[in-house]
Protein backbone atom coordinates (compact mmCIF):
# COMPACT_ATOMS: atom_id res chain seq x y z
CA MET A 1 -4.53 9.91 -4.35
CA CYS A 2 -7.55 11.90 -2.76
CA VAL A 3 -6.27 15.29 -1.00
CA GLY A 4 -8.08 15.80 1.88
CA GLU A 5 -9.24 12.43 2.47
CA LYS A 6 -9.73 11.36 6.08
CA SER A 7 -9.60 8.09 7.56
CA SER A 8 -10.47 6.70 10.65
CA PHE A 9 -8.21 4.38 12.33
CA LYS A 10 -8.79 3.26 15.91
CA TYR A 11 -5.78 1.34 17.54
CA GLY A 12 -5.86 2.20 20.63
CA ASN A 13 -2.85 3.47 22.50
CA SER A 14 0.11 4.11 20.08
CA GLY A 15 2.51 1.97 22.19
CA VAL A 16 4.30 4.71 23.81
CA LYS A 17 3.97 5.20 27.60
CA SER A 18 4.66 7.98 29.90
CA GLY A 19 7.80 8.14 30.95
CA SER A 20 9.34 6.41 27.81
CA SER A 21 11.89 8.35 25.83
CA CYS A 22 9.44 11.26 25.25
CA ASN A 23 9.44 14.77 26.78
CA PRO A 24 7.10 16.25 28.69
CA ASP A 25 5.12 18.13 25.79
CA LEU A 26 4.83 14.28 24.03
CA LYS A 27 7.20 14.71 21.08
CA MET A 28 9.34 11.76 20.19
CA THR A 29 13.17 12.56 21.15
CA GLY A 30 16.36 10.99 20.59
CA GLU A 31 17.04 8.54 17.54
CA CYS A 32 13.19 8.98 16.42
CA ASP A 33 13.27 12.42 15.59
CA ASN A 34 14.12 11.94 11.95
CA ILE A 35 14.61 9.39 9.55
CA VAL A 36 16.28 9.03 6.40
CA SER A 37 14.64 7.59 3.67
CA ARG A 38 15.89 5.52 0.66
CA GLY A 39 15.50 8.68 -1.42
CA GLY A 40 17.63 10.70 1.02
CA ALA A 41 14.81 13.11 2.30
CA ALA A 42 14.60 13.33 6.14
CA LEU A 43 11.60 12.32 7.41
CA LYS A 44 10.73 13.83 10.90
CA ILE A 45 8.17 11.52 13.06
CA VAL A 46 6.05 13.13 15.74
CA ILE A 47 3.58 11.55 18.31
CA ASN A 48 1.35 13.23 20.58
CA ILE A 49 -0.45 11.60 22.70
CA ASP A 50 -3.58 13.21 24.39
CA GLU A 51 -6.04 10.82 26.22
CA SER A 52 -9.07 13.17 25.46
CA LEU A 53 -8.82 12.51 21.78
CA PRO A 54 -11.83 10.41 20.77
CA GLU A 55 -9.67 8.54 17.95
CA THR A 56 -6.23 8.46 16.29
CA GLU A 57 -5.67 11.08 13.55
CA ILE A 58 -2.62 10.76 11.29
CA ILE A 59 -1.84 13.94 9.21
CA VAL A 60 1.22 13.83 6.56
CA ASN A 61 2.35 17.18 5.97
CA CYS A 62 5.19 16.83 3.09
CA GLY A 63 6.43 19.80 0.42
CA THR A 64 5.52 17.69 -2.44
CA LEU A 65 4.03 14.73 -3.05
CA THR A 66 7.22 11.92 -3.94
CA PRO A 67 6.69 8.48 -4.14
CA GLU A 68 8.12 7.79 -0.85
CA THR A 69 5.45 10.08 0.81
CA GLU A 70 2.61 7.74 -1.64
CA GLN A 71 3.98 4.69 -0.17
CA ILE A 72 3.67 5.92 3.79
CA ILE A 73 0.30 6.91 3.06
CA SER A 74 -0.72 3.87 1.25
CA ALA A 75 1.12 1.67 4.25
CA LEU A 76 -1.50 3.50 6.64
CA ARG A 77 -4.37 2.48 4.09
CA LEU A 78 -3.51 -1.20 4.76
CA LEU A 79 -3.81 -1.41 8.21
CA ASP A 80 -6.70 -3.30 9.18
CA LYS A 81 -8.30 -3.73 5.75
CA GLN A 82 -9.31 -7.21 4.36
CA ILE A 83 -11.28 -8.74 1.56
CA THR A 84 -12.88 -12.14 1.45
CA VAL A 85 -11.74 -14.90 -0.31
CA THR A 86 -12.56 -18.54 -0.79
CA LYS A 87 -10.35 -21.92 -1.60
CA ASP A 88 -11.92 -25.15 -1.67
CA ASN A 89 -15.21 -24.20 -0.52
CA GLU A 90 -13.91 -22.20 2.60
CA SER A 91 -14.28 -18.72 3.39
CA TYR A 92 -11.45 -16.42 4.73
CA PHE A 93 -10.66 -12.92 5.40
CA LEU A 94 -7.17 -11.89 3.71
CA ASP A 95 -5.14 -8.73 4.80
CA ILE A 96 -5.08 -7.03 1.51
CA SER A 97 -1.46 -6.67 2.80
CA LYS A 98 -0.48 -10.26 1.92
CA ILE A 99 -2.21 -9.26 -1.41
CA ILE A 100 0.74 -9.80 -4.51
CA TYR A 101 -1.59 -9.27 -7.14
CA VAL A 102 -5.12 -9.87 -8.40
CA GLU A 103 -6.03 -11.39 -11.72
CA SER A 104 -9.24 -11.82 -13.72
CA VAL A 105 -9.22 -15.41 -15.88
CA ASP A 106 -12.27 -16.48 -17.41
CA ARG A 107 -14.82 -14.20 -15.94
CA LYS A 108 -13.43 -15.31 -12.13
CA THR A 109 -11.36 -12.81 -9.92
CA PHE A 110 -8.28 -14.90 -8.60
CA VAL A 111 -6.03 -13.02 -5.63
CA TYR A 112 -2.61 -14.14 -5.36
CA THR A 113 -0.46 -13.87 -2.11
CA ASN A 114 3.23 -15.56 -1.19
CA ASP A 115 2.23 -19.17 -0.81
CA ASP A 116 -1.64 -19.30 -2.30
CA CYS A 117 -3.88 -18.26 -4.81
CA PHE A 118 -7.83 -17.48 -3.60
CA GLU A 119 -10.91 -16.85 -5.59
CA THR A 120 -13.25 -13.90 -4.79
CA LYS A 121 -16.65 -13.54 -6.08
CA LEU A 122 -15.95 -9.17 -6.26
CA LYS A 123 -15.42 -8.25 -9.67
CA LEU A 124 -11.84 -6.68 -10.75
CA TYR A 125 -13.04 -3.09 -11.20
CA GLU A 126 -14.56 -3.57 -7.44
CA ILE A 127 -11.11 -4.59 -6.20
CA GLU A 128 -9.51 -1.79 -7.93
CA GLU A 129 -12.16 0.49 -6.48
CA ARG A 130 -11.23 -0.65 -2.70
CA LEU A 131 -7.49 -1.01 -3.32
CA CYS A 132 -6.53 2.30 -5.38
CA ASN A 133 -5.70 4.53 -2.70
CA CYS A 134 -3.72 1.77 -0.98
CA GLY A 135 -0.68 0.70 -3.29
CA PHE A 136 -2.18 -1.06 -6.12
CA PHE A 137 -2.20 -0.28 -9.42
CA ARG A 138 -3.71 -1.89 -12.55
CA ALA A 139 -1.11 -3.25 -14.99
CA GLY A 140 -3.82 -4.00 -17.47
CA LYS A 141 -6.96 -5.21 -18.52
CA ALA A 142 -7.42 -8.18 -16.38
CA CYS A 143 -4.68 -7.51 -13.53
CA ILE A 144 -3.89 -4.99 -10.57
CA VAL A 145 -0.40 -5.42 -8.69
CA GLN A 146 0.24 -4.42 -5.76
CA LEU A 147 3.29 -1.80 -6.05
CA LYS A 148 5.31 -2.77 -2.86
CA TYR A 149 5.83 -6.47 -4.22
CA ILE A 150 7.53 -5.35 -7.37
CA ARG A 151 10.97 -6.77 -7.57
CA SER A 152 12.06 -5.14 -10.88
CA LEU A 153 10.82 -3.76 -13.86
CA LYS A 154 11.97 -4.47 -17.57
CA ALA A 155 11.16 -2.36 -20.71
CA GLU A 156 9.54 -4.70 -23.64
CA ILE A 157 8.57 -4.18 -27.15
CA ASN A 158 6.00 -1.58 -28.02
CA ARG A 159 6.80 0.64 -24.81
CA LYS A 160 5.19 -2.14 -22.43
CA LEU A 161 6.90 -3.11 -19.04
CA ARG A 162 7.55 -6.91 -17.75
CA LEU A 163 7.09 -6.85 -13.97
CA THR A 164 8.93 -9.33 -11.62
CA LEU A 165 7.26 -9.46 -8.53
CA GLU A 166 8.81 -11.06 -5.01
CA ASN A 167 7.22 -14.29 -5.65
CA GLY A 168 8.98 -14.60 -8.67
CA GLU A 169 6.31 -14.24 -10.96
CA GLN A 170 6.07 -11.80 -14.28
CA ILE A 171 3.41 -9.75 -15.27
CA ILE A 172 3.34 -7.84 -18.38
CA VAL A 173 2.30 -4.28 -18.03
CA SER A 174 0.52 -2.93 -20.76
CA ARG A 175 1.46 0.63 -22.67
CA GLN A 176 -1.81 2.00 -21.92
CA TYR A 177 -0.48 2.07 -18.09
CA ALA A 178 3.41 1.67 -18.59
CA ASP A 179 4.40 5.32 -18.12
CA GLU A 180 1.91 5.98 -14.93
CA LEU A 181 3.26 2.91 -13.13
CA LYS A 182 6.67 4.42 -13.82
CA ARG A 183 5.71 8.18 -12.45
CA ARG A 184 4.01 5.84 -9.11
CA LEU A 185 7.30 4.02 -8.77
CA GLY A 186 9.67 7.15 -9.56
CA VAL A 187 11.38 5.63 -12.22
CA LYS A 188 12.08 7.50 -15.71
């Protein structure tokens, strides 16, 4: 993750209207103030609406950069990002949030979603550069996986890992990348 990195998000109104459950200083109140995450840590959400601001800015304050915090940042980066893919001589704009993994086979790059397989003209390293800060991880020389679609992992011989993805497919993570993947997932 790049510390101090700035992203521009232009989505208009946040969906919170005046007169809703916000107090006069525009801080969310009630049940939305503190949310307990899977790790048990409290997450505080504050939304300030200021119509004089030219664009939306999201600031994440944290004591340490945990896997949960990285997941929040990755989800924010996924918003409104797409890559161009093809299938049956037709081009599509695919939201990267739908990509489960990307694989390079015989100098061709394939993008897999839950229900489909597409081809892209981008090289694997180009996709990795675009997606590395969006929750994707290089699992081997020819494969990039989106972390949120990992259902389980199992240790294999020679320090390799076997990933089972949400769509049931299994991918072997080479030992070169296994320790980093465990760190990113918060697994020991």
